[in-house]
PDB file of N, CA and C in Angstrom:
ATOM      1  N   UNK A   1      12.181 -38.256   4.398  1.00  0.00           N
ATOM      2  CA  UNK A   1      12.635 -37.593   5.278  1.00  0.00           C
ATOM      3  C   UNK A   1      12.948 -36.225   4.532  1.00  0.00           C
ATOM      4  N   UNK A   2      13.597 -36.042   3.256  1.00  0.00           N
ATOM      5  CA  UNK A   2      13.844 -34.771   2.893  1.00  0.00           C
ATOM      6  C   UNK A   2      12.705 -33.963   2.493  1.00  0.00           C
ATOM      7  N   UNK A   3      11.644 -34.743   2.331  1.00  0.00           N
ATOM      8  CA  UNK A   3      10.082 -33.844   1.981  1.00  0.00           C
ATOM      9  C   UNK A   3       9.688 -33.125   3.178  1.00  0.00           C
ATOM     10  N   UNK A   4      10.071 -33.640   4.364  1.00  0.00           N
ATOM     11  CA  UNK A   4       9.741 -32.896   5.645  1.00  0.00           C
ATOM     12  C   UNK A   4      10.697 -31.595   5.755  1.00  0.00           C
ATOM     13  N   UNK A   5      11.996 -31.800   5.433  1.00  0.00           N
ATOM     14  CA  UNK A   5      12.719 -30.595   5.836  1.00  0.00           C
ATOM     15  C   UNK A   5      12.560 -29.546   4.732  1.00  0.00           C
ATOM     16  N   UNK A   6      12.095 -30.190   3.384  1.00  0.00           N
ATOM     17  CA  UNK A   6      11.673 -28.832   2.261  1.00  0.00           C
ATOM     18  C   UNK A   6      10.380 -28.308   2.955  1.00  0.00           C
ATOM     19  N   UNK A   7       9.495 -29.024   3.342  1.00  0.00           N
ATOM     20  CA  UNK A   7       8.220 -28.359   3.825  1.00  0.00           C
ATOM     21  C   UNK A   7       8.444 -27.477   5.057  1.00  0.00           C
ATOM     22  N   UNK A   8       9.262 -27.739   6.014  1.00  0.00           N
ATOM     23  CA  UNK A   8       9.608 -26.878   7.053  1.00  0.00           C
ATOM     24  C   UNK A   8      10.096 -25.465   6.490  1.00  0.00           C
ATOM     25  N   UNK A   9      11.193 -25.902   5.737  1.00  0.00           N
ATOM     26  CA  UNK A   9      11.983 -24.593   5.033  1.00  0.00           C
ATOM     27  C   UNK A   9      10.959 -23.779   4.520  1.00  0.00           C
ATOM     28  N   UNK A  10       9.968 -24.386   3.801  1.00  0.00           N
ATOM     29  CA  UNK A  10       9.021 -23.723   2.998  1.00  0.00           C
ATOM     30  C   UNK A  10       7.896 -22.787   3.805  1.00  0.00           C
ATOM     31  N   UNK A  11       7.431 -23.595   5.024  1.00  0.00           N
ATOM     32  CA  UNK A  11       6.718 -22.936   6.036  1.00  0.00           C
ATOM     33  C   UNK A  11       7.257 -21.782   6.534  1.00  0.00           C
ATOM     34  N   UNK A  12       8.655 -21.898   7.132  1.00  0.00           N
ATOM     35  CA  UNK A  12       9.034 -20.997   7.911  1.00  0.00           C
ATOM     36  C   UNK A  12       9.362 -19.885   7.054  1.00  0.00           C
ATOM     37  N   UNK A  13      10.029 -19.859   5.763  1.00  0.00           N
ATOM     38  CA  UNK A  13      10.190 -18.721   4.778  1.00  0.00           C
ATOM     39  C   UNK A  13       8.788 -18.128   4.663  1.00  0.00           C
ATOM     40  N   UNK A  14       7.608 -18.731   4.520  1.00  0.00           N
ATOM     41  CA  UNK A  14       6.524 -17.949   4.189  1.00  0.00           C
ATOM     42  C   UNK A  14       5.973 -17.210   5.607  1.00  0.00           C
ATOM     43  N   UNK A  15       6.194 -17.640   6.525  1.00  0.00           N
ATOM     44  CA  UNK A  15       5.952 -17.043   7.909  1.00  0.00           C
ATOM     45  C   UNK A  15       6.755 -15.586   8.147  1.00  0.00           C
ATOM     46  N   UNK A  16       7.923 -15.785   7.759  1.00  0.00           N
ATOM     47  CA  UNK A  16       8.797 -14.652   8.026  1.00  0.00           C
ATOM     48  C   UNK A  16       8.718 -13.711   6.871  1.00  0.00           C
ATOM     49  N   UNK A  17       8.106 -13.913   5.604  1.00  0.00           N
ATOM     50  CA  UNK A  17       7.839 -13.242   4.746  1.00  0.00           C
ATOM     51  C   UNK A  17       6.422 -12.385   5.198  1.00  0.00           C
ATOM     52  N   UNK A  18       5.538 -13.010   5.628  1.00  0.00           N
ATOM     53  CA  UNK A  18       4.340 -12.207   6.142  1.00  0.00           C
ATOM     54  C   UNK A  18       4.495 -11.398   7.299  1.00  0.00           C
ATOM     55  N   UNK A  19       5.573 -11.517   8.278  1.00  0.00           N
ATOM     56  CA  UNK A  19       5.820 -10.607   9.434  1.00  0.00           C
ATOM     57  C   UNK A  19       6.539  -9.549   8.652  1.00  0.00           C
ATOM     58  N   UNK A  20       7.369  -9.692   7.858  1.00  0.00           N
ATOM     59  CA  UNK A  20       8.091  -8.336   7.156  1.00  0.00           C
ATOM     60  C   UNK A  20       6.966  -7.568   6.430  1.00  0.00           C
ATOM     61  N   UNK A  21       6.167  -8.154   5.917  1.00  0.00           N
ATOM     62  CA  UNK A  21       4.954  -7.283   5.212  1.00  0.00           C
ATOM     63  C   UNK A  21       4.297  -6.607   6.019  1.00  0.00           C
ATOM     64  N   UNK A  22       3.973  -7.076   7.300  1.00  0.00           N
ATOM     65  CA  UNK A  22       3.269  -6.435   8.291  1.00  0.00           C
ATOM     66  C   UNK A  22       3.777  -5.115   8.732  1.00  0.00           C
ATOM     67  N   UNK A  23       5.249  -5.500   8.983  1.00  0.00           N
ATOM     68  CA  UNK A  23       6.124  -4.090   9.562  1.00  0.00           C
ATOM     69  C   UNK A  23       5.954  -3.020   8.525  1.00  0.00           C
ATOM     70  N   UNK A  24       6.254  -3.319   7.338  1.00  0.00           N
ATOM     71  CA  UNK A  24       6.065  -2.171   6.132  1.00  0.00           C
ATOM     72  C   UNK A  24       4.918  -1.580   6.039  1.00  0.00           C
ATOM     73  N   UNK A  25       3.861  -2.083   6.454  1.00  0.00           N
ATOM     74  CA  UNK A  25       2.310  -1.747   6.199  1.00  0.00           C
ATOM     75  C   UNK A  25       2.037  -0.650   6.952  1.00  0.00           C
ATOM     76  N   UNK A  26       2.722  -0.686   8.110  1.00  0.00           N
ATOM     77  CA  UNK A  26       2.570   0.378   9.318  1.00  0.00           C
ATOM     78  C   UNK A  26       2.979   1.857   8.642  1.00  0.00           C
ATOM     79  N   UNK A  27       3.933   1.688   8.006  1.00  0.00           N
ATOM     80  CA  UNK A  27       4.461   3.045   7.780  1.00  0.00           C
ATOM     81  C   UNK A  27       3.993   3.741   6.313  1.00  0.00           C
ATOM     82  N   UNK A  28       2.974   3.200   5.686  1.00  0.00           N
ATOM     83  CA  UNK A  28       2.354   3.326   4.449  1.00  0.00           C
ATOM     84  C   UNK A  28       1.428   4.825   4.881  1.00  0.00           C
ATOM     85  N   UNK A  29       1.547   5.482   3.930  1.00  0.00           N
ATOM     86  CA  UNK A  29       2.514   6.029   2.899  1.00  0.00           C
ATOM     87  C   UNK A  29       3.606   6.568   3.673  1.00  0.00           C
ATOM     88  N   UNK A  30       4.890   6.353   3.010  1.00  0.00           N
ATOM     89  CA  UNK A  30       6.114   6.887   3.613  1.00  0.00           C
ATOM     90  C   UNK A  30       6.413   7.973   2.786  1.00  0.00           C
ATOM     91  N   UNK A  31       5.683   8.412   1.623  1.00  0.00           N
ATOM     92  CA  UNK A  31       6.090   9.449   0.923  1.00  0.00           C
ATOM     93  C   UNK A  31       4.580  10.110   0.183  1.00  0.00           C
ATOM     94  N   UNK A  32       4.698  11.120  -0.435  1.00  0.00           N
ATOM     95  CA  UNK A  32       3.606  11.543  -1.243  1.00  0.00           C
ATOM     96  C   UNK A  32       2.814  10.632  -2.208  1.00  0.00           C
ATOM     97  N   UNK A  33       1.677  10.485  -2.336  1.00  0.00           N
ATOM     98  CA  UNK A  33       0.795   9.777  -3.120  1.00  0.00           C
ATOM     99  C   UNK A  33       0.471  10.614  -4.271  1.00  0.00           C
ATOM    100  N   UNK A  34       0.925  10.497  -5.537  1.00  0.00           N
ATOM    101  CA  UNK A  34       0.502  11.104  -6.691  1.00  0.00           C
ATOM    102  C   UNK A  34      -0.816  10.549  -7.445  1.00  0.00           C
ATOM    103  N   UNK A  35      -1.879  11.203  -7.705  1.00  0.00           N
ATOM    104  CA  UNK A  35      -2.932  10.693  -8.432  1.00  0.00           C
ATOM    105  C   UNK A  35      -2.932  11.331  -9.804  1.00  0.00           C
ATOM    106  N   UNK A  36      -3.010  10.373 -10.720  1.00  0.00           N
ATOM    107  CA  UNK A  36      -2.939  10.697 -12.145  1.00  0.00           C
ATOM    108  C   UNK A  36      -4.361  10.732 -12.596  1.00  0.00           C
ATOM    109  N   UNK A  37      -4.910  11.820 -13.139  1.00  0.00           N
ATOM    110  CA  UNK A  37      -6.352  11.567 -13.747  1.00  0.00           C
ATOM    111  C   UNK A  37      -6.102  11.985 -15.363  1.00  0.00           C
ATOM    112  N   UNK A  38      -6.364  11.129 -16.049  1.00  0.00           N
ATOM    113  CA  UNK A  38      -5.918  11.439 -17.746  1.00  0.00           C
ATOM    114  C   UNK A  38      -7.254  12.116 -18.354  1.00  0.00           C
ATOM    115  N   UNK A  39      -7.706  13.102 -17.714  1.00  0.00           N
ATOM    116  CA  UNK A  39      -8.776  14.006 -18.192  1.00  0.00           C
ATOM    117  C   UNK A  39      -8.498  15.148 -18.030  1.00  0.00           C
ATOM    118  N   UNK A  40      -9.205  16.187 -18.758  1.00  0.00           N
ATOM    119  CA  UNK A  40      -8.966  17.681 -18.410  1.00  0.00           C
ATOM    120  C   UNK A  40      -9.389  17.998 -17.179  1.00  0.00           C
ATOM    121  N   UNK A  41      -8.373  19.177 -16.440  1.00  0.00           N
ATOM    122  CA  UNK A  41      -8.778  19.659 -15.336  1.00  0.00           C
ATOM    123  C   UNK A  41     -10.149  20.174 -15.348  1.00  0.00           C
ATOM    124  N   UNK A  42     -10.835  20.184 -14.038  1.00  0.00           N
ATOM    125  CA  UNK A  42     -12.259  20.862 -14.108  1.00  0.00           C
ATOM    126  C   UNK A  42     -13.323  20.017 -14.480  1.00  0.00           C
ATOM    127  N   UNK A  43     -13.184  18.956 -14.886  1.00  0.00           N
ATOM    128  CA  UNK A  43     -14.213  17.838 -15.399  1.00  0.00           C
ATOM    129  C   UNK A  43     -14.674  16.943 -14.046  1.00  0.00           C
ATOM    130  N   UNK A  44     -15.547  16.299 -14.464  1.00  0.00           N
ATOM    131  CA  UNK A  44     -15.848  15.380 -13.190  1.00  0.00           C
ATOM    132  C   UNK A  44     -14.986  14.308 -12.620  1.00  0.00           C
ATOM    133  N   UNK A  45     -13.993  14.066 -13.312  1.00  0.00           N
ATOM    134  CA  UNK A  45     -13.080  12.920 -13.006  1.00  0.00           C
ATOM    135  C   UNK A  45     -12.218  13.805 -12.217  1.00  0.00           C
ATOM    136  N   UNK A  46     -11.571  14.956 -12.469  1.00  0.00           N
ATOM    137  CA  UNK A  46     -10.649  15.633 -11.780  1.00  0.00           C
ATOM    138  C   UNK A  46     -11.277  16.107 -10.332  1.00  0.00           C
ATOM    139  N   UNK A  47     -12.560  16.569 -10.468  1.00  0.00           N
ATOM    140  CA  UNK A  47     -13.251  16.957  -9.076  1.00  0.00           C
ATOM    141  C   UNK A  47     -13.413  16.014  -8.291  1.00  0.00           C
ATOM    142  N   UNK A  48     -13.713  14.418  -8.778  1.00  0.00           N
ATOM    143  CA  UNK A  48     -13.630  13.266  -8.089  1.00  0.00           C
ATOM    144  C   UNK A  48     -12.465  12.931  -7.509  1.00  0.00           C
ATOM    145  N   UNK A  49     -11.444  12.980  -8.274  1.00  0.00           N
ATOM    146  CA  UNK A  49     -10.067  12.647  -7.700  1.00  0.00           C
ATOM    147  C   UNK A  49      -9.674  13.557  -6.533  1.00  0.00           C
ATOM    148  N   UNK A  50      -9.911  14.850  -6.786  1.00  0.00           N
ATOM    149  CA  UNK A  50      -9.567  15.753  -5.647  1.00  0.00           C
ATOM    150  C   UNK A  50     -10.406  15.567  -4.375  1.00  0.00           C
ATOM    151  N   UNK A  51     -11.483  15.047  -4.521  1.00  0.00           N
ATOM    152  CA  UNK A  51     -12.305  14.806  -3.333  1.00  0.00           C
ATOM    153  C   UNK A  51     -11.755  13.475  -2.861  1.00  0.00           C
ATOM    154  N   UNK A  52     -11.338  12.666  -3.286  1.00  0.00           N
ATOM    155  CA  UNK A  52     -10.842  11.373  -2.962  1.00  0.00           C
ATOM    156  C   UNK A  52      -9.509  11.769  -2.355  1.00  0.00           C
ATOM    157  N   UNK A  53      -8.682  12.608  -2.890  1.00  0.00           N
ATOM    158  CA  UNK A  53      -7.400  13.010  -2.347  1.00  0.00           C
ATOM    159  C   UNK A  53      -7.480  13.680  -0.990  1.00  0.00           C
ATOM    160  N   UNK A  54      -8.434  14.436  -0.962  1.00  0.00           N
ATOM    161  CA  UNK A  54      -8.745  15.099   0.280  1.00  0.00           C
ATOM    162  C   UNK A  54      -9.097  14.422   1.367  1.00  0.00           C
ATOM    163  N   UNK A  55      -9.826  13.354   1.292  1.00  0.00           N
ATOM    164  CA  UNK A  55     -10.277  12.298   2.212  1.00  0.00           C
ATOM    165  C   UNK A  55      -9.015  11.398   2.564  1.00  0.00           C
ATOM    166  N   UNK A  56      -8.237  11.186   1.585  1.00  0.00           N
ATOM    167  CA  UNK A  56      -6.864  10.467   2.047  1.00  0.00           C
ATOM    168  C   UNK A  56      -6.113  11.145   2.775  1.00  0.00           C
ATOM    169  N   UNK A  57      -6.075  12.565   2.752  1.00  0.00           N
ATOM    170  CA  UNK A  57      -5.166  13.260   3.449  1.00  0.00           C
ATOM    171  C   UNK A  57      -5.749  13.321   4.888  1.00  0.00           C
ATOM    172  N   UNK A  58      -7.101  13.529   5.082  1.00  0.00           N
ATOM    173  CA  UNK A  58      -7.784  13.662   6.329  1.00  0.00           C
ATOM    174  C   UNK A  58      -7.674  12.252   7.112  1.00  0.00           C
ATOM    175  N   UNK A  59      -7.838  11.151   6.239  1.00  0.00           N
ATOM    176  CA  UNK A  59      -7.600  10.020   6.960  1.00  0.00           C
ATOM    177  C   UNK A  59      -6.048   9.503   7.390  1.00  0.00           C
ATOM    178  N   UNK A  60      -5.231   9.799   6.629  1.00  0.00           N
ATOM    179  CA  UNK A  60      -3.974   9.379   6.775  1.00  0.00           C
ATOM    180  C   UNK A  60      -3.047  10.320   7.405  1.00  0.00           C
ATOM    181  N   UNK A  61      -3.491  11.680   7.332  1.00  0.00           N
ATOM    182  CA  UNK A  61      -2.696  12.854   7.685  1.00  0.00           C
ATOM    183  C   UNK A  61      -1.931  13.323   6.718  1.00  0.00           C
ATOM    184  N   UNK A  62      -1.653  14.635   6.765  1.00  0.00           N
ATOM    185  CA  UNK A  62      -0.863  15.119   5.543  1.00  0.00           C
ATOM    186  C   UNK A  62       0.832  14.848   5.692  1.00  0.00           C
ATOM    187  N   UNK A  63       1.336  14.311   4.624  1.00  0.00           N
ATOM    188  CA  UNK A  63       2.866  14.125   4.667  1.00  0.00           C
ATOM    189  C   UNK A  63       3.442  14.626   3.586  1.00  0.00           C
ATOM    190  N   UNK A  64       3.674  15.941   3.592  1.00  0.00           N
ATOM    191  CA  UNK A  64       4.318  16.489   2.244  1.00  0.00           C
ATOM    192  C   UNK A  64       5.654  16.950   2.814  1.00  0.00           C
TER     193      UNK A  64
END
């Protein structure tokens, strides 16, 4: 009988955790995202990161 109560408590805890995670996902991103490129400015990695950042801004909207 104790095993049933433990299983019930575990399942209810897991279901509550997933509901809370879904609520927080709606507000993403809640602040600015910083992209760090460990290479010099003007190189191919920098250009690619800037292009990705521009697309992210267009998709999610500007939040500065």
